[in-house]
Every structure is written in C-alpha cells, then in structure tokens.
Amino acid sequence: MNWHTFLIIAHIIGISLGVGGVTISDLNFFKILKRGKISEDTLGLLKTLSFAIWIGLIILVLSGFGFLILLRLTRPELGILYNPKLWAKLTITAIVLFNGLIMHWKVFPLLESSVGKPLNSPEFSKKAWIAFTTGAISFISWYSALILGAWRTDLSYFTIFGVYLVLVAGAIIVMNIIGRYLIKRLEKI
C-alpha cells in the first residue's frame, strides 16, 4: 500500500466517524427531547459518540495534513495551497473544532445537570438554545466536509463558504424551532 492510498483510507475513516457520530448524536438528542428526560445511559451514549467524533476529527486532520505534505513533495506544480476548496475545508474543520469545544464546555454540563429531570424545566429551557445551535453547526459542518471532499468543483472560497453559512444559519433556525416546539410540547403532557 502506498502513502496516497493509506491517507485516503484514513481520511474516509475520519469522515465516517465524524459524520456517523454526529448523525446518531443528533437523532438521539431529539429522541431525548421527545421523551422529556435524559438518562445516565443516554448521556453515556452521547459521550461515547462524542469521543468517536473527536477521534474522527483527529484522523481527518492528520490525514489531511498528510495529503498536503505528500502533494507538496510529489506534485508541487499543483499549487494545492492556492486551492479555494482546501481553504474552505480548513475553515470548516476549524469551526468543527471550536464548536466541539463549546459542546464540551457548555452542552455536556447542561445535559449532566439535567439527568433524570424534566427537560421542560426553566434551567434547561433557558440554555437549550446552545445545544440546538451547536448541534446544527456540527451536523452541517461534518456533512459539508464530506461533500467538499467528494465534490470536484472550481468554485471560489467565498462562494463555498457563503453557501455553507446559509446552510448553517438555516439549520440553526430549524433546530431551534423544532427543539423549542418539543420542549413546549412537554409542558402539555
């Protein structure tokens, strides 16, 4: 196996862990909201998924830098550092990292303090927007990285990133509307 093939496999594993983990996490989070309570087991599952997502991010970053080094050494004429798609992917990866840190600093403590309690409590309801917003950013960012990795395009950085920002804004709005609706629905039960 050559280095290029190794890096492709690593990149696919990293993106699979990230996209798969984020998808299952978001589905479980909505299941938690529908139930109205979070259990220790469900919180444990979310933490395990989060760990898998972090491993995926690390593999993705390392293999991505491996690609940059390999291409710089073997095909410097490509001018890969001037590729707008590369810079869009790097920006989105930085957003994934920052968003993940916010999730660990804000969302997981919120979920931990809510174990066994009704999620329509004022304490949870007041801070739930953070969970909805970071979940939306994570979901759109991971899927954007997947699509950008597979998509052959010559769009500019600003076009790619502009579309990404519109998708993120839309997802944040939709996730907050759905999340608020589910919390309000709990009050009627």
Protein backbone atom coordinates (compact mmCIF):
# COMPACT_ATOMS: atom_id res chain seq x y z
CA MET A 1 0.00 0.00 0.00
CA ASN A 2 1.39 3.42 -0.90
CA TRP A 3 1.07 6.62 1.15
CA HIS A 4 -1.67 8.06 -1.03
CA THR A 5 -3.90 5.01 -0.55
CA PHE A 6 -3.17 4.96 3.18
CA LEU A 7 -4.16 8.63 3.51
CA ILE A 8 -7.37 8.11 1.50
CA ILE A 9 -8.38 5.23 3.80
CA ALA A 10 -7.54 7.27 6.91
CA HIS A 11 -9.48 10.27 5.58
CA ILE A 12 -12.53 8.08 4.86
CA ILE A 13 -12.36 6.58 8.36
CA GLY A 14 -12.10 10.04 9.92
CA ILE A 15 -15.04 11.47 7.98
CA SER A 16 -17.09 8.32 8.62
CA LEU A 17 -16.58 8.56 12.37
CA GLY A 18 -17.44 12.25 12.34
CA VAL A 19 -20.49 12.14 10.08
CA GLY A 20 -21.80 8.91 11.59
CA GLY A 21 -21.25 10.09 15.15
CA VAL A 22 -22.88 13.45 14.59
CA THR A 23 -25.88 11.92 12.83
CA ILE A 24 -26.52 9.38 15.59
CA SER A 25 -25.93 12.02 18.29
CA ASP A 26 -28.45 14.41 16.78
CA LEU A 27 -31.05 11.65 16.34
CA ASN A 28 -30.56 10.60 19.96
CA PHE A 29 -30.80 14.18 21.17
CA PHE A 30 -34.21 14.59 19.50
CA LYS A 31 -35.26 11.25 20.98
CA ILE A 32 -34.28 12.62 24.41
CA LEU A 33 -36.35 15.75 23.80
CA LYS A 34 -39.37 13.69 22.76
CA ARG A 35 -39.07 11.58 25.91
CA GLY A 36 -38.62 14.64 28.09
CA LYS A 37 -35.78 13.25 30.20
CA ILE A 38 -32.17 12.24 29.77
CA SER A 39 -30.92 9.10 31.48
CA GLU A 40 -27.39 8.24 32.58
CA ASP A 41 -27.25 5.58 29.86
CA THR A 42 -28.26 8.01 27.13
CA LEU A 43 -25.77 10.59 28.37
CA GLY A 44 -23.13 7.84 28.33
CA LEU A 45 -24.03 7.03 24.73
CA LEU A 46 -23.75 10.72 23.74
CA LYS A 47 -20.32 10.89 25.42
CA THR A 48 -19.18 7.75 23.58
CA LEU A 49 -20.38 9.19 20.28
CA SER A 50 -18.62 12.45 21.09
CA PHE A 51 -15.39 10.54 21.71
CA ALA A 52 -15.77 8.81 18.32
CA ILE A 53 -16.35 12.20 16.67
CA TRP A 54 -13.18 13.60 18.27
CA ILE A 55 -11.19 10.56 17.09
CA GLY A 56 -12.64 11.09 13.61
CA LEU A 57 -11.62 14.75 13.69
CA ILE A 58 -8.07 13.89 14.75
CA ILE A 59 -7.75 11.26 12.00
CA LEU A 60 -9.23 13.68 9.47
CA VAL A 61 -6.81 16.48 10.41
CA LEU A 62 -3.75 14.22 10.46
CA SER A 63 -4.60 12.57 7.14
CA GLY A 64 -5.44 15.97 5.64
CA PHE A 65 -2.04 17.34 6.60
CA GLY A 66 -0.54 14.11 5.32
CA PHE A 67 -2.17 14.82 1.94
CA LEU A 68 -0.78 18.35 1.93
CA ILE A 69 2.74 17.14 2.66
CA LEU A 70 2.54 14.31 0.14
CA LEU A 71 1.22 16.57 -2.62
CA ARG A 72 3.76 19.27 -1.81
CA LEU A 73 6.58 16.71 -2.06
CA THR A 74 5.38 14.75 -5.08
CA ARG A 75 3.35 17.28 -7.12
CA PRO A 76 4.40 20.83 -6.18
CA GLU A 77 3.21 22.08 -9.57
CA LEU A 78 -0.41 21.60 -8.44
CA GLY A 79 -0.18 24.62 -6.16
CA ILE A 80 -2.53 22.90 -3.71
CA LEU A 81 -2.14 25.69 -1.16
CA TYR A 82 -3.94 28.03 -3.57
CA ASN A 83 -6.99 25.77 -3.86
CA PRO A 84 -10.14 27.57 -2.57
CA LYS A 85 -11.82 24.26 -1.74
CA LEU A 86 -8.88 23.38 0.53
CA TRP A 87 -9.23 26.66 2.40
CA ALA A 88 -12.99 26.17 2.75
CA LYS A 89 -12.40 22.68 4.18
CA LEU A 90 -9.76 24.03 6.58
CA THR A 91 -12.13 26.79 7.73
CA ILE A 92 -14.97 24.31 8.27
CA THR A 93 -12.64 21.96 10.14
CA ALA A 94 -11.62 24.84 12.44
CA ILE A 95 -15.33 25.55 13.03
CA VAL A 96 -15.92 21.86 13.86
CA LEU A 97 -13.09 22.02 16.40
CA PHE A 98 -14.29 25.25 18.02
CA ASN A 99 -17.92 24.08 18.04
CA GLY A 100 -16.87 20.77 19.62
CA LEU A 101 -15.10 22.63 22.41
CA ILE A 102 -18.23 24.70 23.07
CA MET A 103 -20.24 21.48 23.22
CA HIS A 104 -17.90 20.08 25.85
CA TRP A 105 -17.75 23.29 27.86
CA LYS A 106 -21.46 24.18 27.69
CA VAL A 107 -23.72 21.43 26.33
CA PHE A 108 -22.40 18.39 28.20
CA PRO A 109 -22.51 20.17 31.59
CA LEU A 110 -26.10 21.21 30.78
CA LEU A 111 -27.03 17.62 29.93
CA GLU A 112 -25.24 16.25 33.00
CA SER A 113 -27.11 18.65 35.28
CA SER A 114 -30.40 17.60 33.62
CA VAL A 115 -30.07 13.82 34.09
CA GLY A 116 -33.33 12.47 35.48
CA LYS A 117 -35.02 15.89 35.49
CA PRO A 118 -37.78 17.11 33.18
CA LEU A 119 -36.29 18.88 30.17
CA ASN A 120 -39.03 21.50 30.22
CA SER A 121 -37.56 22.91 33.42
CA PRO A 122 -36.66 26.61 33.33
CA GLU A 123 -32.95 25.77 33.85
CA PHE A 124 -32.78 23.55 30.76
CA SER A 125 -35.17 25.61 28.63
CA LYS A 126 -33.17 28.78 29.19
CA LYS A 127 -29.91 27.20 27.95
CA ALA A 128 -31.28 24.68 25.42
CA TRP A 129 -30.56 27.03 22.51
CA ILE A 130 -26.84 26.30 22.97
CA ALA A 131 -27.45 22.58 22.43
CA PHE A 132 -29.68 23.20 19.42
CA THR A 133 -27.25 25.67 17.85
CA THR A 134 -24.07 23.64 18.36
CA GLY A 135 -25.86 20.51 17.14
CA ALA A 136 -26.93 22.28 13.95
CA ILE A 137 -23.44 23.68 13.35
CA SER A 138 -21.88 20.26 13.92
CA PHE A 139 -24.32 18.48 11.62
CA ILE A 140 -23.95 20.94 8.72
CA SER A 141 -20.18 21.23 9.16
CA TRP A 142 -19.48 17.49 9.09
CA TYR A 143 -21.74 16.93 6.10
CA SER A 144 -20.17 19.93 4.34
CA ALA A 145 -16.70 18.45 4.88
CA LEU A 146 -17.93 15.14 3.46
CA ILE A 147 -19.46 16.79 0.40
CA LEU A 148 -16.45 19.05 -0.22
CA GLY A 149 -14.14 16.05 -0.02
CA ALA A 150 -16.07 14.20 -2.70
CA TRP A 151 -17.15 17.13 -4.88
CA ARG A 152 -14.93 18.26 -7.74
CA THR A 153 -15.52 21.98 -8.07
CA ASP A 154 -13.76 25.15 -9.08
CA LEU A 155 -16.00 27.49 -7.06
CA SER A 156 -14.34 30.31 -5.14
CA TYR A 157 -13.73 30.18 -1.40
CA PHE A 158 -16.34 32.90 -0.84
CA THR A 159 -18.98 31.03 -2.84
CA ILE A 160 -18.33 27.76 -0.99
CA PHE A 161 -18.21 29.44 2.40
CA GLY A 162 -21.24 31.62 1.61
CA VAL A 163 -23.34 28.56 0.80
CA TYR A 164 -22.02 26.90 3.97
CA LEU A 165 -23.01 29.91 6.10
CA VAL A 166 -26.52 29.97 4.60
CA LEU A 167 -26.91 26.25 5.37
CA VAL A 168 -25.63 26.74 8.93
CA ALA A 169 -27.96 29.69 9.54
CA GLY A 170 -30.92 27.72 8.17
CA ALA A 171 -30.07 24.66 10.27
CA ILE A 172 -29.70 26.75 13.44
CA ILE A 173 -33.12 28.31 12.88
CA VAL A 174 -34.79 24.96 12.09
CA MET A 175 -33.12 23.13 15.00
CA ASN A 176 -34.11 25.86 17.46
CA ILE A 177 -37.72 25.89 16.21
CA ILE A 178 -38.01 22.10 16.43
CA GLY A 179 -36.24 21.97 19.78
CA ARG A 180 -38.42 24.72 21.29
CA TYR A 181 -41.53 23.00 19.93
CA LEU A 182 -40.54 19.71 21.56
CA ILE A 183 -39.84 21.41 24.91
CA LYS A 184 -43.18 23.28 24.76
CA ARG A 185 -44.93 20.02 23.89
CA LEU A 186 -43.55 18.53 27.11
CA GLU A 187 -45.36 21.19 29.13
CA LYS A 188 -48.70 19.95 27.76
CA ILE A 189 -48.04 16.30 28.63
